[in-house]
Amino acid sequence: MNLVSDGNIFYDDEGVELPDLETACFRSIRIARDLISEEAKLGRIPLGWSIEIMDELGEIVSVMAFENTVTLH
């Protein structure tokens, strides 16, 4: 999973093998919420960031936008 932040891509060189795309999506939601929480402590809410979910060949199979992982009210 790669992190896309303000136009920069931070590549995950190690990666984690997961059984399926659904599991990868749930993991990316958890990671996004953790990062949002950490950034919020600094006074920032990075809703424009995203996580790229890659397959075993390094191809992007899904993108999890941070704005889709939380509800603001």
N, C-alpha and C. Protein backbone atom coordinates (compact mmCIF):
# COMPACT_ATOMS: atom_id res chain seq x y z
N MET A 1 0.85 -1.17 0.00
CA MET A 1 0.00 0.00 0.00
C MET A 1 0.89 1.23 0.00
N ASN A 2 0.62 2.14 -0.91
CA ASN A 2 1.36 3.39 -0.98
C ASN A 2 0.50 4.52 -0.44
N LEU A 3 1.14 5.49 0.20
CA LEU A 3 0.45 6.67 0.71
C LEU A 3 0.63 7.80 -0.29
N VAL A 4 -0.47 8.41 -0.70
CA VAL A 4 -0.42 9.58 -1.58
C VAL A 4 -0.82 10.78 -0.74
N SER A 5 0.11 11.72 -0.59
CA SER A 5 -0.06 12.87 0.30
C SER A 5 0.37 14.13 -0.42
N ASP A 6 -0.57 15.04 -0.63
CA ASP A 6 -0.26 16.34 -1.24
C ASP A 6 0.53 16.20 -2.54
N GLY A 7 0.16 15.22 -3.35
CA GLY A 7 0.81 15.02 -4.64
C GLY A 7 2.08 14.18 -4.58
N ASN A 8 2.52 13.83 -3.39
CA ASN A 8 3.71 12.98 -3.22
C ASN A 8 3.27 11.55 -2.96
N ILE A 9 4.04 10.60 -3.50
CA ILE A 9 3.75 9.19 -3.26
C ILE A 9 4.85 8.62 -2.38
N PHE A 10 4.44 8.04 -1.26
CA PHE A 10 5.36 7.37 -0.36
C PHE A 10 5.17 5.87 -0.57
N TYR A 11 6.17 5.26 -1.21
CA TYR A 11 6.06 3.86 -1.60
C TYR A 11 6.29 2.92 -0.42
N ASP A 12 5.47 1.89 -0.34
CA ASP A 12 5.61 0.84 0.66
C ASP A 12 6.47 -0.25 0.02
N ASP A 13 7.75 -0.27 0.36
CA ASP A 13 8.68 -1.22 -0.25
C ASP A 13 8.52 -2.63 0.28
N GLU A 14 7.97 -2.77 1.49
CA GLU A 14 7.83 -4.09 2.09
C GLU A 14 6.49 -4.73 1.76
N GLY A 15 5.42 -3.99 1.97
CA GLY A 15 4.09 -4.51 1.69
C GLY A 15 3.68 -5.62 2.66
N VAL A 16 2.42 -5.96 2.61
CA VAL A 16 1.86 -7.02 3.44
C VAL A 16 0.95 -7.84 2.55
N GLU A 17 1.13 -9.15 2.57
CA GLU A 17 0.23 -10.01 1.78
C GLU A 17 -1.06 -10.22 2.54
N LEU A 18 -2.16 -9.95 1.88
CA LEU A 18 -3.48 -10.12 2.48
C LEU A 18 -4.29 -11.07 1.60
N PRO A 19 -5.26 -11.76 2.17
CA PRO A 19 -5.97 -12.81 1.43
C PRO A 19 -6.82 -12.31 0.27
N ASP A 20 -7.35 -11.07 0.36
CA ASP A 20 -8.22 -10.60 -0.71
C ASP A 20 -8.35 -9.08 -0.66
N LEU A 21 -8.99 -8.53 -1.67
CA LEU A 21 -9.14 -7.08 -1.79
C LEU A 21 -9.98 -6.50 -0.65
N GLU A 22 -11.01 -7.23 -0.23
CA GLU A 22 -11.85 -6.74 0.86
C GLU A 22 -11.04 -6.53 2.14
N THR A 23 -10.18 -7.48 2.46
CA THR A 23 -9.32 -7.37 3.64
C THR A 23 -8.37 -6.20 3.48
N ALA A 24 -7.82 -6.02 2.28
CA ALA A 24 -6.92 -4.90 2.02
C ALA A 24 -7.65 -3.56 2.18
N CYS A 25 -8.89 -3.50 1.75
CA CYS A 25 -9.67 -2.26 1.90
C CYS A 25 -9.93 -1.96 3.37
N PHE A 26 -10.30 -2.96 4.15
CA PHE A 26 -10.51 -2.75 5.59
C PHE A 26 -9.22 -2.30 6.26
N ARG A 27 -8.10 -2.89 5.88
CA ARG A 27 -6.81 -2.50 6.46
C ARG A 27 -6.48 -1.06 6.08
N SER A 28 -6.73 -0.67 4.84
CA SER A 28 -6.42 0.70 4.42
C SER A 28 -7.31 1.72 5.14
N ILE A 29 -8.55 1.35 5.42
CA ILE A 29 -9.43 2.24 6.20
C ILE A 29 -8.85 2.44 7.60
N ARG A 30 -8.41 1.37 8.22
CA ARG A 30 -7.83 1.46 9.57
C ARG A 30 -6.58 2.32 9.57
N ILE A 31 -5.72 2.13 8.57
CA ILE A 31 -4.50 2.93 8.46
C ILE A 31 -4.84 4.40 8.24
N ALA A 32 -5.78 4.67 7.34
CA ALA A 32 -6.18 6.05 7.06
C ALA A 32 -6.71 6.73 8.32
N ARG A 33 -7.56 6.05 9.06
CA ARG A 33 -8.11 6.63 10.29
C ARG A 33 -7.03 6.88 11.32
N ASP A 34 -6.06 5.99 11.42
CA ASP A 34 -4.94 6.20 12.34
C ASP A 34 -4.13 7.44 11.94
N LEU A 35 -3.87 7.57 10.65
CA LEU A 35 -3.11 8.74 10.17
C LEU A 35 -3.89 10.03 10.35
N ILE A 36 -5.19 9.99 10.08
CA ILE A 36 -6.04 11.17 10.29
C ILE A 36 -5.98 11.58 11.77
N SER A 37 -6.06 10.60 12.66
CA SER A 37 -6.02 10.86 14.09
C SER A 37 -4.70 11.54 14.49
N GLU A 38 -3.59 11.01 13.98
CA GLU A 38 -2.28 11.59 14.30
C GLU A 38 -2.15 13.02 13.74
N GLU A 39 -2.60 13.22 12.53
CA GLU A 39 -2.53 14.55 11.92
C GLU A 39 -3.46 15.54 12.63
N ALA A 40 -4.61 15.05 13.11
CA ALA A 40 -5.56 15.92 13.82
C ALA A 40 -4.92 16.47 15.09
N LYS A 41 -4.07 15.69 15.73
CA LYS A 41 -3.37 16.17 16.92
C LYS A 41 -2.48 17.36 16.61
N LEU A 42 -2.08 17.49 15.34
CA LEU A 42 -1.25 18.60 14.89
C LEU A 42 -2.09 19.71 14.26
N GLY A 43 -3.42 19.55 14.33
CA GLY A 43 -4.31 20.57 13.81
C GLY A 43 -4.64 20.44 12.33
N ARG A 44 -4.33 19.28 11.75
CA ARG A 44 -4.60 19.06 10.32
C ARG A 44 -5.50 17.86 10.14
N ILE A 45 -6.40 17.93 9.17
CA ILE A 45 -7.25 16.80 8.79
C ILE A 45 -6.96 16.52 7.31
N PRO A 46 -6.17 15.50 7.01
CA PRO A 46 -5.70 15.26 5.65
C PRO A 46 -6.71 14.49 4.77
N LEU A 47 -7.86 15.09 4.53
CA LEU A 47 -8.89 14.39 3.75
C LEU A 47 -8.51 14.22 2.28
N GLY A 48 -7.53 14.95 1.81
CA GLY A 48 -7.10 14.83 0.42
C GLY A 48 -6.09 13.72 0.18
N TRP A 49 -5.65 13.06 1.23
CA TRP A 49 -4.69 11.97 1.10
C TRP A 49 -5.41 10.70 0.67
N SER A 50 -4.64 9.72 0.21
CA SER A 50 -5.23 8.43 -0.15
C SER A 50 -4.19 7.32 -0.01
N ILE A 51 -4.69 6.10 -0.04
CA ILE A 51 -3.83 4.91 0.01
C ILE A 51 -4.10 4.11 -1.26
N GLU A 52 -3.02 3.78 -1.96
CA GLU A 52 -3.12 2.93 -3.14
C GLU A 52 -2.95 1.48 -2.70
N ILE A 53 -3.89 0.64 -3.08
CA ILE A 53 -3.81 -0.79 -2.78
C ILE A 53 -3.27 -1.49 -4.02
N MET A 54 -2.20 -2.23 -3.83
CA MET A 54 -1.50 -2.86 -4.95
C MET A 54 -1.69 -4.38 -4.92
N ASP A 55 -1.61 -4.98 -6.11
CA ASP A 55 -1.62 -6.45 -6.17
C ASP A 55 -0.19 -6.97 -6.11
N GLU A 56 -0.04 -8.27 -6.24
CA GLU A 56 1.29 -8.89 -6.12
C GLU A 56 2.24 -8.49 -7.25
N LEU A 57 1.70 -7.94 -8.33
CA LEU A 57 2.54 -7.48 -9.44
C LEU A 57 2.89 -6.00 -9.33
N GLY A 58 2.38 -5.35 -8.28
CA GLY A 58 2.65 -3.93 -8.08
C GLY A 58 1.69 -3.01 -8.82
N GLU A 59 0.60 -3.58 -9.34
CA GLU A 59 -0.41 -2.79 -10.03
C GLU A 59 -1.44 -2.27 -9.03
N ILE A 60 -1.88 -1.04 -9.23
CA ILE A 60 -2.91 -0.46 -8.37
C ILE A 60 -4.24 -1.14 -8.68
N VAL A 61 -4.87 -1.72 -7.65
CA VAL A 61 -6.16 -2.38 -7.84
C VAL A 61 -7.30 -1.59 -7.20
N SER A 62 -6.95 -0.67 -6.29
CA SER A 62 -7.97 0.16 -5.64
C SER A 62 -7.28 1.35 -4.99
N VAL A 63 -8.02 2.41 -4.79
CA VAL A 63 -7.52 3.59 -4.09
C VAL A 63 -8.53 3.94 -3.00
N MET A 64 -8.03 4.06 -1.78
CA MET A 64 -8.88 4.43 -0.65
C MET A 64 -8.61 5.89 -0.29
N ALA A 65 -9.54 6.76 -0.66
CA ALA A 65 -9.42 8.18 -0.32
C ALA A 65 -9.74 8.37 1.15
N PHE A 66 -8.93 9.15 1.85
CA PHE A 66 -9.15 9.38 3.27
C PHE A 66 -10.53 9.96 3.53
N GLU A 67 -11.01 10.81 2.63
CA GLU A 67 -12.32 11.45 2.82
C GLU A 67 -13.44 10.43 2.86
N ASN A 68 -13.21 9.24 2.34
CA ASN A 68 -14.23 8.18 2.35
C ASN A 68 -14.14 7.26 3.57
N THR A 69 -13.22 7.58 4.49
CA THR A 69 -13.03 6.70 5.65
C THR A 69 -13.60 7.28 6.94
N VAL A 70 -14.08 8.51 6.89
CA VAL A 70 -14.62 9.17 8.09
C VAL A 70 -15.88 9.93 7.72
N THR A 71 -16.67 10.24 8.75
CA THR A 71 -17.85 11.08 8.58
C THR A 71 -17.64 12.33 9.43
N LEU A 72 -17.76 13.48 8.83
CA LEU A 72 -17.63 14.74 9.55
C LEU A 72 -19.02 15.27 9.87
N HIS A 73 -19.23 15.66 11.12
CA HIS A 73 -20.50 16.30 11.48
C HIS A 73 -20.31 17.19 12.65
